[in-house]
Structure formats: structure tokens, C-alpha cells
Amino acid sequence: MFQEKGQIVIEKTDDMDEDELMMMALDAGAEDFGTVREALEANKLEFLEAEVKMIPDTYTAIDEETVVKFQKMLDALEDDEDVQDVYHNAEFPEGFEE
């Protein structure tokens, strides 16, 4: 249901070529998070985010009404001291964030 994968988020600038960026990642080995991160850092790219995450195999869209309830549940789980990590496959509507 979830795959542990490295995720690097880079803010796109006007002078950035997406294809060139993808080629840098592929040339660095693409599946090896540490190697790709080092290669992109060597090219002076700044990351908004770079971490290993649990990525869902499929997403489930939720509506705006459900977002409020779902967010309350996530907050309650994350506030519980016995809960270490919370993963979900909810796809929030545009304009809403986790």
C-alpha cells in the first residue's frame, strides 16, 4: 500500500529546464536517494524538501466537507504520544493542505 521512497522538492525557477533536471537525477542513479541528493547539491540546487517518505501506491480523493473531519483525525493521531508516524493516501482538494 505504501512504498518507502526518497522525495526531493525543488522550487522551479524561470531558468530551470525540467528535462535537464530529470537527466541529472537519472544520471546519478535516480533510485538511490543519497546519490541523487548529492549530485543535485553539487549542481548548486536548493531543496524545499528532501527526505525519505512513505508514498502511497494509490490516492483517494476526498471532498471539502471530509477534509475538515479528516484533518481533525490526523491532528488527534499526531498529538497522541503513543503514535510514532501517521501515513495516509488522501488526496486533498486544491486549496487545502495537510
C-alpha atoms as a PDB file:
ATOM      1  CA  MET A   1       0.000   0.000   0.000  1.00  0.00           C
ATOM      2  CA  PHE A   2       2.936   2.369   0.705  1.00  0.00           C
ATOM      3  CA  GLN A   3       6.458   2.449  -0.686  1.00  0.00           C
ATOM      4  CA  GLU A   4       9.373   3.993   1.183  1.00  0.00           C
ATOM      5  CA  LYS A   5      10.946   6.427  -1.278  1.00  0.00           C
ATOM      6  CA  GLY A   6      13.155   9.471  -1.252  1.00  0.00           C
ATOM      7  CA  GLN A   7      11.415  12.670  -2.275  1.00  0.00           C
ATOM      8  CA  ILE A   8      13.222  15.839  -3.270  1.00  0.00           C
ATOM      9  CA  VAL A   9      11.229  19.016  -3.838  1.00  0.00           C
ATOM     10  CA  ILE A  10      12.882  21.860  -5.731  1.00  0.00           C
ATOM     11  CA  GLU A  11      11.252  25.218  -6.438  1.00  0.00           C
ATOM     12  CA  LYS A  12      11.073  25.747 -10.184  1.00  0.00           C
ATOM     13  CA  THR A  13      12.707  28.905 -11.470  1.00  0.00           C
ATOM     14  CA  ASP A  14      12.371  30.532 -14.886  1.00  0.00           C
ATOM     15  CA  ASP A  15      15.856  29.409 -15.946  1.00  0.00           C
ATOM     16  CA  MET A  16      15.353  25.789 -14.843  1.00  0.00           C
ATOM     17  CA  ASP A  17      14.837  23.119 -17.501  1.00  0.00           C
ATOM     18  CA  GLU A  18      12.755  20.217 -16.151  1.00  0.00           C
ATOM     19  CA  ASP A  19      14.212  17.760 -18.668  1.00  0.00           C
ATOM     20  CA  GLU A  20      17.759  18.733 -17.714  1.00  0.00           C
ATOM     21  CA  LEU A  21      16.920  18.313 -14.024  1.00  0.00           C
ATOM     22  CA  MET A  22      15.427  14.875 -14.692  1.00  0.00           C
ATOM     23  CA  MET A  23      18.543  13.858 -16.635  1.00  0.00           C
ATOM     24  CA  MET A  24      20.736  14.918 -13.685  1.00  0.00           C
ATOM     25  CA  ALA A  25      18.693  12.666 -11.388  1.00  0.00           C
ATOM     26  CA  LEU A  26      18.741   9.755 -13.852  1.00  0.00           C
ATOM     27  CA  ASP A  27      22.485  10.090 -14.436  1.00  0.00           C
ATOM     28  CA  ALA A  28      23.002   9.994 -10.660  1.00  0.00           C
ATOM     29  CA  GLY A  29      21.102   6.721 -10.361  1.00  0.00           C
ATOM     30  CA  ALA A  30      17.549   8.031  -9.702  1.00  0.00           C
ATOM     31  CA  GLU A  31      16.662   5.158  -7.326  1.00  0.00           C
ATOM     32  CA  ASP A  32      19.484   5.904  -4.857  1.00  0.00           C
ATOM     33  CA  PHE A  33      18.195   8.866  -2.820  1.00  0.00           C
ATOM     34  CA  GLY A  34      21.537   9.745  -1.238  1.00  0.00           C
ATOM     35  CA  THR A  35      23.443   9.722  -4.519  1.00  0.00           C
ATOM     36  CA  VAL A  36      20.794  11.798  -6.307  1.00  0.00           C
ATOM     37  CA  ARG A  37      20.686  14.307  -3.466  1.00  0.00           C
ATOM     38  CA  GLU A  38      24.469  14.699  -3.518  1.00  0.00           C
ATOM     39  CA  ALA A  39      24.506  15.120  -7.313  1.00  0.00           C
ATOM     40  CA  LEU A  40      21.802  17.793  -7.225  1.00  0.00           C
ATOM     41  CA  GLU A  41      23.521  19.603  -4.341  1.00  0.00           C
ATOM     42  CA  ALA A  42      26.783  19.544  -6.337  1.00  0.00           C
ATOM     43  CA  ASN A  43      24.895  21.376  -9.096  1.00  0.00           C
ATOM     44  CA  LYS A  44      24.011  24.114  -6.559  1.00  0.00           C
ATOM     45  CA  LEU A  45      20.296  23.270  -6.423  1.00  0.00           C
ATOM     46  CA  GLU A  46      18.471  24.260  -3.241  1.00  0.00           C
ATOM     47  CA  PHE A  47      15.809  21.938  -1.884  1.00  0.00           C
ATOM     48  CA  LEU A  48      12.493  22.949  -0.386  1.00  0.00           C
ATOM     49  CA  GLU A  49      12.309  19.414   0.982  1.00  0.00           C
ATOM     50  CA  ALA A  50      14.494  16.323   0.812  1.00  0.00           C
ATOM     51  CA  GLU A  51      13.508  13.309   2.869  1.00  0.00           C
ATOM     52  CA  VAL A  52      12.528   9.678   2.781  1.00  0.00           C
ATOM     53  CA  LYS A  53       8.740   9.326   2.876  1.00  0.00           C
ATOM     54  CA  MET A  54       6.086   6.665   2.698  1.00  0.00           C
ATOM     55  CA  ILE A  55       4.439   7.233  -0.696  1.00  0.00           C
ATOM     56  CA  PRO A  56       1.031   5.597  -1.295  1.00  0.00           C
ATOM     57  CA  ASP A  57       0.588   3.314  -4.300  1.00  0.00           C
ATOM     58  CA  THR A  58      -2.820   4.910  -4.938  1.00  0.00           C
ATOM     59  CA  TYR A  59      -4.543   8.048  -3.731  1.00  0.00           C
ATOM     60  CA  THR A  60      -8.164   8.567  -2.717  1.00  0.00           C
ATOM     61  CA  ALA A  61      -9.732  11.959  -3.392  1.00  0.00           C
ATOM     62  CA  ILE A  62     -11.685  13.486  -0.528  1.00  0.00           C
ATOM     63  CA  ASP A  63     -14.190  16.329  -0.767  1.00  0.00           C
ATOM     64  CA  GLU A  64     -14.058  19.656   1.071  1.00  0.00           C
ATOM     65  CA  GLU A  65     -16.525  18.530   3.736  1.00  0.00           C
ATOM     66  CA  THR A  66     -14.467  15.447   4.517  1.00  0.00           C
ATOM     67  CA  VAL A  67     -11.190  17.418   4.652  1.00  0.00           C
ATOM     68  CA  VAL A  68     -12.171  19.138   7.905  1.00  0.00           C
ATOM     69  CA  LYS A  69     -13.074  15.855   9.616  1.00  0.00           C
ATOM     70  CA  PHE A  70     -10.034  14.088   8.216  1.00  0.00           C
ATOM     71  CA  GLN A  71      -7.690  16.870   9.339  1.00  0.00           C
ATOM     72  CA  LYS A  72      -9.125  16.716  12.882  1.00  0.00           C
ATOM     73  CA  MET A  73      -8.486  12.975  12.935  1.00  0.00           C
ATOM     74  CA  LEU A  74      -4.902  13.443  11.674  1.00  0.00           C
ATOM     75  CA  ASP A  75      -4.263  16.120  14.312  1.00  0.00           C
ATOM     76  CA  ALA A  76      -5.599  13.857  17.070  1.00  0.00           C
ATOM     77  CA  LEU A  77      -3.417  10.967  15.925  1.00  0.00           C
ATOM     78  CA  GLU A  78      -0.306  13.130  15.653  1.00  0.00           C
ATOM     79  CA  ASP A  79      -0.927  14.606  19.129  1.00  0.00           C
ATOM     80  CA  ASP A  80      -1.148  11.133  20.693  1.00  0.00           C
ATOM     81  CA  GLU A  81       2.189  10.370  22.353  1.00  0.00           C
ATOM     82  CA  ASP A  82       1.824   6.657  21.559  1.00  0.00           C
ATOM     83  CA  VAL A  83       1.621   7.292  17.799  1.00  0.00           C
ATOM     84  CA  GLN A  84       5.003   7.438  16.090  1.00  0.00           C
ATOM     85  CA  ASP A  85       4.051   8.095  12.450  1.00  0.00           C
ATOM     86  CA  VAL A  86       0.846   8.683  10.513  1.00  0.00           C
ATOM     87  CA  TYR A  87       0.557   7.830   6.813  1.00  0.00           C
ATOM     88  CA  HIS A  88      -2.475   8.250   4.587  1.00  0.00           C
ATOM     89  CA  ASN A  89      -3.430   8.169   0.934  1.00  0.00           C
ATOM     90  CA  ALA A  90      -5.949  11.030   0.968  1.00  0.00           C
ATOM     91  CA  GLU A  91      -5.766  13.456  -1.926  1.00  0.00           C
ATOM     92  CA  PHE A  92      -6.849  16.868  -0.671  1.00  0.00           C
ATOM     93  CA  PRO A  93      -8.859  19.189  -2.927  1.00  0.00           C
ATOM     94  CA  GLU A  94      -6.988  22.113  -4.452  1.00  0.00           C
ATOM     95  CA  GLY A  95      -6.506  24.915  -1.935  1.00  0.00           C
ATOM     96  CA  PHE A  96      -6.340  22.571   1.080  1.00  0.00           C
ATOM     97  CA  GLU A  97      -3.133  21.302   2.583  1.00  0.00           C
ATOM     98  CA  GLU A  98      -2.275  18.733   5.190  1.00  0.00           C
END
